[in-house]
PDB file of N, CA and C in Angstrom:
ATOM      1  N   UNK A   1       0.850  -1.181   0.000  1.00  0.00           N
ATOM      2  CA  UNK A   1       0.000   0.000   0.000  1.00  0.00           C
ATOM      3  C   UNK A   1       0.891   1.238   0.000  1.00  0.00           C
ATOM      4  N   UNK A   2       0.484   2.213  -0.772  1.00  0.00           N
ATOM      5  CA  UNK A   2       1.257   3.458  -0.865  1.00  0.00           C
ATOM      6  C   UNK A   2       1.253   4.170   0.486  1.00  0.00           C
ATOM      7  N   UNK A   3       2.382   4.764   0.864  1.00  0.00           N
ATOM      8  CA  UNK A   3       2.466   5.455   2.167  1.00  0.00           C
ATOM      9  C   UNK A   3       1.416   6.562   2.346  1.00  0.00           C
ATOM     10  N   UNK A   4       1.070   7.255   1.272  1.00  0.00           N
ATOM     11  CA  UNK A   4       0.052   8.315   1.383  1.00  0.00           C
ATOM     12  C   UNK A   4      -1.306   7.703   1.697  1.00  0.00           C
ATOM     13  N   UNK A   5      -1.639   6.641   0.986  1.00  0.00           N
ATOM     14  CA  UNK A   5      -2.928   5.983   1.207  1.00  0.00           C
ATOM     15  C   UNK A   5      -3.016   5.446   2.635  1.00  0.00           C
ATOM     16  N   UNK A   6      -1.934   4.835   3.096  1.00  0.00           N
ATOM     17  CA  UNK A   6      -1.894   4.306   4.462  1.00  0.00           C
ATOM     18  C   UNK A   6      -2.098   5.435   5.471  1.00  0.00           C
ATOM     19  N   UNK A   7      -1.433   6.554   5.261  1.00  0.00           N
ATOM     20  CA  UNK A   7      -1.573   7.704   6.156  1.00  0.00           C
ATOM     21  C   UNK A   7      -3.027   8.166   6.218  1.00  0.00           C
ATOM     22  N   UNK A   8      -3.651   8.302   5.056  1.00  0.00           N
ATOM     23  CA  UNK A   8      -5.042   8.774   5.011  1.00  0.00           C
ATOM     24  C   UNK A   8      -5.987   7.813   5.729  1.00  0.00           C
ATOM     25  N   UNK A   9      -5.786   6.523   5.525  1.00  0.00           N
ATOM     26  CA  UNK A   9      -6.624   5.526   6.201  1.00  0.00           C
ATOM     27  C   UNK A   9      -6.418   5.611   7.715  1.00  0.00           C
ATOM     28  N   UNK A  10      -5.157   5.668   8.132  1.00  0.00           N
ATOM     29  CA  UNK A  10      -4.845   5.732   9.563  1.00  0.00           C
ATOM     30  C   UNK A  10      -5.434   6.980  10.227  1.00  0.00           C
ATOM     31  N   UNK A  11      -5.429   8.095   9.519  1.00  0.00           N
ATOM     32  CA  UNK A  11      -5.915   9.364  10.082  1.00  0.00           C
ATOM     33  C   UNK A  11      -7.390   9.622   9.806  1.00  0.00           C
ATOM     34  N   UNK A  12      -8.000   8.778   8.957  1.00  0.00           N
ATOM     35  CA  UNK A  12      -9.421   8.947   8.652  1.00  0.00           C
ATOM     36  C   UNK A  12      -9.721  10.158   7.792  1.00  0.00           C
ATOM     37  N   UNK A  13      -8.786  10.492   6.900  1.00  0.00           N
ATOM     38  CA  UNK A  13      -9.021  11.612   5.990  1.00  0.00           C
ATOM     39  C   UNK A  13      -9.001  11.099   4.550  1.00  0.00           C
ATOM     40  N   UNK A  14      -9.543  11.889   3.656  1.00  0.00           N
ATOM     41  CA  UNK A  14      -9.579  11.494   2.251  1.00  0.00           C
ATOM     42  C   UNK A  14      -8.327  11.984   1.534  1.00  0.00           C
ATOM     43  N   UNK A  15      -8.033  11.330   0.421  1.00  0.00           N
ATOM     44  CA  UNK A  15      -6.920  11.787  -0.419  1.00  0.00           C
ATOM     45  C   UNK A  15      -7.185  13.212  -0.898  1.00  0.00           C
ATOM     46  N   UNK A  16      -8.440  13.513  -1.195  1.00  0.00           N
ATOM     47  CA  UNK A  16      -8.800  14.856  -1.667  1.00  0.00           C
ATOM     48  C   UNK A  16      -8.493  15.912  -0.606  1.00  0.00           C
ATOM     49  N   UNK A  17      -8.827  15.608   0.652  1.00  0.00           N
ATOM     50  CA  UNK A  17      -8.547  16.558   1.747  1.00  0.00           C
ATOM     51  C   UNK A  17      -7.050  16.778   1.889  1.00  0.00           C
ATOM     52  N   UNK A  18      -6.278  15.686   1.848  1.00  0.00           N
ATOM     53  CA  UNK A  18      -4.832  15.825   1.969  1.00  0.00           C
ATOM     54  C   UNK A  18      -4.261  16.590   0.781  1.00  0.00           C
ATOM     55  N   UNK A  19      -4.774  16.330  -0.411  1.00  0.00           N
ATOM     56  CA  UNK A  19      -4.271  17.048  -1.587  1.00  0.00           C
ATOM     57  C   UNK A  19      -4.517  18.551  -1.453  1.00  0.00           C
ATOM     58  N   UNK A  20      -5.674  18.912  -0.913  1.00  0.00           N
ATOM     59  CA  UNK A  20      -5.987  20.326  -0.676  1.00  0.00           C
ATOM     60  C   UNK A  20      -5.016  20.919   0.341  1.00  0.00           C
ATOM     61  N   UNK A  21      -4.747  20.184   1.417  1.00  0.00           N
ATOM     62  CA  UNK A  21      -3.809  20.655   2.450  1.00  0.00           C
ATOM     63  C   UNK A  21      -2.405  20.828   1.888  1.00  0.00           C
ATOM     64  N   UNK A  22      -2.008  19.935   0.988  1.00  0.00           N
ATOM     65  CA  UNK A  22      -0.668  19.985   0.391  1.00  0.00           C
ATOM     66  C   UNK A  22      -0.582  21.102  -0.656  1.00  0.00           C
ATOM     67  N   UNK A  23      -1.721  21.364  -1.321  1.00  0.00           N
ATOM     68  CA  UNK A  23      -1.738  22.389  -2.362  1.00  0.00           C
ATOM     69  C   UNK A  23      -1.582  21.819  -3.762  1.00  0.00           C
ATOM     70  N   UNK A  24      -2.031  20.557  -3.937  1.00  0.00           N
ATOM     71  CA  UNK A  24      -1.993  19.940  -5.264  1.00  0.00           C
ATOM     72  C   UNK A  24      -3.407  19.498  -5.622  1.00  0.00           C
ATOM     73  N   UNK A  25      -3.629  19.210  -6.894  1.00  0.00           N
ATOM     74  CA  UNK A  25      -4.956  18.781  -7.329  1.00  0.00           C
ATOM     75  C   UNK A  25      -5.208  17.330  -6.932  1.00  0.00           C
ATOM     76  N   UNK A  26      -6.480  16.992  -6.790  1.00  0.00           N
ATOM     77  CA  UNK A  26      -6.857  15.614  -6.465  1.00  0.00           C
ATOM     78  C   UNK A  26      -6.404  14.640  -7.563  1.00  0.00           C
ATOM     79  N   UNK A  27      -6.559  14.986  -8.864  1.00  0.00           N
ATOM     80  CA  UNK A  27      -6.071  14.061  -9.899  1.00  0.00           C
ATOM     81  C   UNK A  27      -4.555  13.823  -9.822  1.00  0.00           C
ATOM     82  N   UNK A  28      -3.794  14.870  -9.508  1.00  0.00           N
ATOM     83  CA  UNK A  28      -2.347  14.707  -9.379  1.00  0.00           C
ATOM     84  C   UNK A  28      -2.017  13.811  -8.186  1.00  0.00           C
ATOM     85  N   UNK A  29      -2.762  13.971  -7.086  1.00  0.00           N
ATOM     86  CA  UNK A  29      -2.580  13.109  -5.914  1.00  0.00           C
ATOM     87  C   UNK A  29      -2.808  11.650  -6.306  1.00  0.00           C
ATOM     88  N   UNK A  30      -3.866  11.397  -7.071  1.00  0.00           N
ATOM     89  CA  UNK A  30      -4.178  10.037  -7.510  1.00  0.00           C
ATOM     90  C   UNK A  30      -3.039   9.472  -8.351  1.00  0.00           C
ATOM     91  N   UNK A  31      -2.474  10.281  -9.227  1.00  0.00           N
ATOM     92  CA  UNK A  31      -1.353   9.839 -10.064  1.00  0.00           C
ATOM     93  C   UNK A  31      -0.142   9.461  -9.197  1.00  0.00           C
ATOM     94  N   UNK A  32       0.101  10.227  -8.162  1.00  0.00           N
ATOM     95  CA  UNK A  32       1.220   9.931  -7.250  1.00  0.00           C
ATOM     96  C   UNK A  32       0.964   8.619  -6.518  1.00  0.00           C
ATOM     97  N   UNK A  33      -0.237   8.463  -5.976  1.00  0.00           N
ATOM     98  CA  UNK A  33      -0.577   7.261  -5.207  1.00  0.00           C
ATOM     99  C   UNK A  33      -0.534   6.007  -6.081  1.00  0.00           C
ATOM    100  N   UNK A  34      -0.932   6.145  -7.338  1.00  0.00           N
ATOM    101  CA  UNK A  34      -0.905   4.989  -8.253  1.00  0.00           C
ATOM    102  C   UNK A  34       0.490   4.721  -8.813  1.00  0.00           C
ATOM    103  N   UNK A  35       1.443   5.592  -8.498  1.00  0.00           N
ATOM    104  CA  UNK A  35       2.815   5.385  -8.957  1.00  0.00           C
ATOM    105  C   UNK A  35       3.062   5.834 -10.378  1.00  0.00           C
ATOM    106  N   UNK A  36       2.139   6.582 -10.943  1.00  0.00           N
ATOM    107  CA  UNK A  36       2.298   7.072 -12.323  1.00  0.00           C
ATOM    108  C   UNK A  36       3.121   8.354 -12.378  1.00  0.00           C
ATOM    109  N   UNK A  37       3.090   9.117 -11.291  1.00  0.00           N
ATOM    110  CA  UNK A  37       3.840  10.375 -11.211  1.00  0.00           C
ATOM    111  C   UNK A  37       4.690  10.363  -9.962  1.00  0.00           C
ATOM    112  N   UNK A  38       5.808  11.033 -10.045  1.00  0.00           N
ATOM    113  CA  UNK A  38       6.683  11.215  -8.896  1.00  0.00           C
ATOM    114  C   UNK A  38       6.667  12.710  -8.555  1.00  0.00           C
ATOM    115  N   UNK A  39       6.348  13.058  -7.331  1.00  0.00           N
ATOM    116  CA  UNK A  39       6.287  14.483  -6.997  1.00  0.00           C
ATOM    117  C   UNK A  39       7.676  15.118  -7.009  1.00  0.00           C
ATOM    118  N   UNK A  40       7.675  16.416  -7.195  1.00  0.00           N
ATOM    119  CA  UNK A  40       8.942  17.151  -7.102  1.00  0.00           C
ATOM    120  C   UNK A  40       9.428  17.094  -5.657  1.00  0.00           C
ATOM    121  N   UNK A  41      10.668  17.444  -5.459  1.00  0.00           N
ATOM    122  CA  UNK A  41      11.226  17.465  -4.105  1.00  0.00           C
ATOM    123  C   UNK A  41      10.455  18.443  -3.218  1.00  0.00           C
ATOM    124  N   UNK A  42      10.061  19.578  -3.770  1.00  0.00           N
ATOM    125  CA  UNK A  42       9.315  20.585  -3.002  1.00  0.00           C
ATOM    126  C   UNK A  42       7.985  20.004  -2.524  1.00  0.00           C
ATOM    127  N   UNK A  43       7.267  19.326  -3.411  1.00  0.00           N
ATOM    128  CA  UNK A  43       5.981  18.716  -3.048  1.00  0.00           C
ATOM    129  C   UNK A  43       6.214  17.579  -2.046  1.00  0.00           C
ATOM    130  N   UNK A  44       7.232  16.760  -2.280  1.00  0.00           N
ATOM    131  CA  UNK A  44       7.541  15.652  -1.365  1.00  0.00           C
ATOM    132  C   UNK A  44       7.837  16.180   0.037  1.00  0.00           C
ATOM    133  N   UNK A  45       8.576  17.276   0.125  1.00  0.00           N
ATOM    134  CA  UNK A  45       8.873  17.874   1.431  1.00  0.00           C
ATOM    135  C   UNK A  45       7.616  18.440   2.084  1.00  0.00           C
ATOM    136  N   UNK A  46       6.699  18.939   1.266  1.00  0.00           N
ATOM    137  CA  UNK A  46       5.427  19.445   1.799  1.00  0.00           C
ATOM    138  C   UNK A  46       4.595  18.301   2.379  1.00  0.00           C
ATOM    139  N   UNK A  47       4.613  17.136   1.704  1.00  0.00           N
ATOM    140  CA  UNK A  47       3.945  15.952   2.254  1.00  0.00           C
ATOM    141  C   UNK A  47       4.528  15.606   3.622  1.00  0.00           C
ATOM    142  N   UNK A  48       5.845  15.609   3.702  1.00  0.00           N
ATOM    143  CA  UNK A  48       6.512  15.267   4.959  1.00  0.00           C
ATOM    144  C   UNK A  48       6.100  16.232   6.064  1.00  0.00           C
ATOM    145  N   UNK A  49       6.068  17.508   5.732  1.00  0.00           N
ATOM    146  CA  UNK A  49       5.702  18.538   6.713  1.00  0.00           C
ATOM    147  C   UNK A  49       4.244  18.383   7.160  1.00  0.00           C
ATOM    148  N   UNK A  50       3.331  18.237   6.210  1.00  0.00           N
ATOM    149  CA  UNK A  50       1.889  18.170   6.527  1.00  0.00           C
ATOM    150  C   UNK A  50       1.500  16.877   7.234  1.00  0.00           C
ATOM    151  N   UNK A  51       2.277  15.801   7.034  1.00  0.00           N
ATOM    152  CA  UNK A  51       1.952  14.532   7.686  1.00  0.00           C
ATOM    153  C   UNK A  51       2.756  14.328   8.969  1.00  0.00           C
ATOM    154  N   UNK A  52       3.516  15.333   9.361  1.00  0.00           N
ATOM    155  CA  UNK A  52       4.316  15.226  10.576  1.00  0.00           C
ATOM    156  C   UNK A  52       5.387  14.151  10.486  1.00  0.00           C
ATOM    157  N   UNK A  53       5.841  13.877   9.269  1.00  0.00           N
ATOM    158  CA  UNK A  53       6.896  12.893   9.059  1.00  0.00           C
ATOM    159  C   UNK A  53       6.392  11.475   8.850  1.00  0.00           C
ATOM    160  N   UNK A  54       5.066  11.279   8.918  1.00  0.00           N
ATOM    161  CA  UNK A  54       4.517   9.938   8.697  1.00  0.00           C
ATOM    162  C   UNK A  54       4.754   9.487   7.250  1.00  0.00           C
ATOM    163  N   UNK A  55       4.698  10.423   6.323  1.00  0.00           N
ATOM    164  CA  UNK A  55       5.055  10.168   4.923  1.00  0.00           C
ATOM    165  C   UNK A  55       6.288  11.012   4.658  1.00  0.00           C
ATOM    166  N   UNK A  56       7.415  10.364   4.417  1.00  0.00           N
ATOM    167  CA  UNK A  56       8.651  11.118   4.211  1.00  0.00           C
ATOM    168  C   UNK A  56       8.875  11.411   2.737  1.00  0.00           C
ATOM    169  N   UNK A  57       9.686  12.412   2.482  1.00  0.00           N
ATOM    170  CA  UNK A  57      10.027  12.733   1.092  1.00  0.00           C
ATOM    171  C   UNK A  57      10.729  11.540   0.452  1.00  0.00           C
ATOM    172  N   UNK A  58      11.512  10.842   1.228  1.00  0.00           N
ATOM    173  CA  UNK A  58      12.200   9.651   0.706  1.00  0.00           C
ATOM    174  C   UNK A  58      11.190   8.585   0.275  1.00  0.00           C
ATOM    175  N   UNK A  59      10.156   8.375   1.097  1.00  0.00           N
ATOM    176  CA  UNK A  59       9.096   7.429   0.731  1.00  0.00           C
ATOM    177  C   UNK A  59       8.554   7.740  -0.657  1.00  0.00           C
ATOM    178  N   UNK A  60       8.283   9.004  -0.889  1.00  0.00           N
ATOM    179  CA  UNK A  60       7.651   9.413  -2.139  1.00  0.00           C
ATOM    180  C   UNK A  60       8.599   9.374  -3.325  1.00  0.00           C
ATOM    181  N   UNK A  61       9.842   9.727  -3.090  1.00  0.00           N
ATOM    182  CA  UNK A  61      10.782   9.791  -4.202  1.00  0.00           C
ATOM    183  C   UNK A  61      11.284   8.417  -4.618  1.00  0.00           C
ATOM    184  N   UNK A  62      11.238   7.434  -3.724  1.00  0.00           N
ATOM    185  CA  UNK A  62      11.685   6.096  -4.124  1.00  0.00           C
ATOM    186  C   UNK A  62      10.525   5.171  -4.463  1.00  0.00           C
ATOM    187  N   UNK A  63       9.287   5.548  -4.117  1.00  0.00           N
ATOM    188  CA  UNK A  63       8.142   4.663  -4.373  1.00  0.00           C
ATOM    189  C   UNK A  63       7.988   4.357  -5.853  1.00  0.00           C
ATOM    190  N   UNK A  64       8.062   5.375  -6.689  1.00  0.00           N
ATOM    191  CA  UNK A  64       7.901   5.155  -8.128  1.00  0.00           C
ATOM    192  C   UNK A  64       9.035   4.288  -8.649  1.00  0.00           C
ATOM    193  N   UNK A  65      10.254   4.510  -8.159  1.00  0.00           N
ATOM    194  CA  UNK A  65      11.398   3.713  -8.606  1.00  0.00           C
ATOM    195  C   UNK A  65      11.201   2.251  -8.224  1.00  0.00           C
ATOM    196  N   UNK A  66      10.745   2.007  -7.005  1.00  0.00           N
ATOM    197  CA  UNK A  66      10.489   0.629  -6.565  1.00  0.00           C
ATOM    198  C   UNK A  66       9.450  -0.029  -7.455  1.00  0.00           C
ATOM    199  N   UNK A  67       8.374   0.706  -7.720  1.00  0.00           N
ATOM    200  CA  UNK A  67       7.287   0.153  -8.513  1.00  0.00           C
ATOM    201  C   UNK A  67       7.724  -0.091  -9.955  1.00  0.00           C
ATOM    202  N   UNK A  68       8.502   0.811 -10.524  1.00  0.00           N
ATOM    203  CA  UNK A  68       8.914   0.661 -11.921  1.00  0.00           C
ATOM    204  C   UNK A  68       9.964  -0.431 -12.098  1.00  0.00           C
ATOM    205  N   UNK A  69      10.575  -0.882 -11.027  1.00  0.00           N
ATOM    206  CA  UNK A  69      11.569  -1.938 -11.151  1.00  0.00           C
ATOM    207  C   UNK A  69      10.918  -3.310 -11.286  1.00  0.00           C
ATOM    208  N   UNK A  70       9.608  -3.370 -11.035  1.00  0.00           N
ATOM    209  CA  UNK A  70       8.894  -4.623 -11.219  1.00  0.00           C
ATOM    210  C   UNK A  70       8.647  -4.856 -12.703  1.00  0.00           C
ATOM    211  N   UNK A  71       8.746  -6.088 -13.171  1.00  0.00           N
ATOM    212  CA  UNK A  71       8.495  -6.336 -14.591  1.00  0.00           C
ATOM    213  C   UNK A  71       7.037  -6.068 -14.934  1.00  0.00           C
ATOM    214  N   UNK A  72       6.819  -5.479 -16.100  1.00  0.00           N
ATOM    215  CA  UNK A  72       5.457  -5.218 -16.536  1.00  0.00           C
ATOM    216  C   UNK A  72       4.783  -6.532 -16.913  1.00  0.00           C
ATOM    217  N   UNK A  73       3.476  -6.508 -16.995  1.00  0.00           N
ATOM    218  CA  UNK A  73       2.724  -7.718 -17.336  1.00  0.00           C
ATOM    219  C   UNK A  73       3.134  -8.245 -18.700  1.00  0.00           C
ATOM    220  N   UNK A  74       3.339  -7.360 -19.673  1.00  0.00           N
ATOM    221  CA  UNK A  74       3.723  -7.820 -21.012  1.00  0.00           C
ATOM    222  C   UNK A  74       5.126  -8.426 -20.995  1.00  0.00           C
ATOM    223  N   UNK A  75       6.026  -7.840 -20.196  1.00  0.00           N
ATOM    224  CA  UNK A  75       7.376  -8.392 -20.094  1.00  0.00           C
ATOM    225  C   UNK A  75       7.352  -9.758 -19.410  1.00  0.00           C
ATOM    226  N   UNK A  76       6.491  -9.926 -18.404  1.00  0.00           N
ATOM    227  CA  UNK A  76       6.367 -11.220 -17.737  1.00  0.00           C
ATOM    228  C   UNK A  76       5.855 -12.280 -18.704  1.00  0.00           C
ATOM    229  N   UNK A  77       4.864 -11.912 -19.532  1.00  0.00           N
ATOM    230  CA  UNK A  77       4.316 -12.858 -20.490  1.00  0.00           C
ATOM    231  C   UNK A  77       5.374 -13.297 -21.486  1.00  0.00           C
ATOM    232  N   UNK A  78       6.217 -12.373 -21.922  1.00  0.00           N
ATOM    233  CA  UNK A  78       7.261 -12.708 -22.897  1.00  0.00           C
ATOM    234  C   UNK A  78       8.281 -13.668 -22.308  1.00  0.00           C
ATOM    235  N   UNK A  79       8.609 -13.484 -21.048  1.00  0.00           N
ATOM    236  CA  UNK A  79       9.605 -14.356 -20.429  1.00  0.00           C
ATOM    237  C   UNK A  79       9.042 -15.729 -20.083  1.00  0.00           C
ATOM    238  N   UNK A  80       7.715 -15.825 -19.990  1.00  0.00           N
ATOM    239  CA  UNK A  80       7.085 -17.104 -19.685  1.00  0.00           C
ATOM    240  C   UNK A  80       7.037 -18.020 -20.895  1.00  0.00           C
ATOM    241  N   UNK A  81       7.156 -17.449 -22.069  1.00  0.00           N
ATOM    242  CA  UNK A  81       7.039 -18.248 -23.303  1.00  0.00           C
ATOM    243  C   UNK A  81       8.246 -19.055 -23.591  1.00  0.00           C
TER     244      UNK A  81
END
């Protein structure tokens, strides 16, 4: 589970509310949580500040890298043949 999503569940707030607090759009927040976008360092630091360190900038900046290192479904299918 993405650290942002976990934080929101633990605190009982919505992604939309957190995105408003951070100063980003809800669609951009969704892209970050799904691993499609990586926030800038400034935005990542704002997440860290607004979550009291529960979501660190490091969490956000390496999450996409971790996710992209997994083989895609099409690549897995090719290697299975």
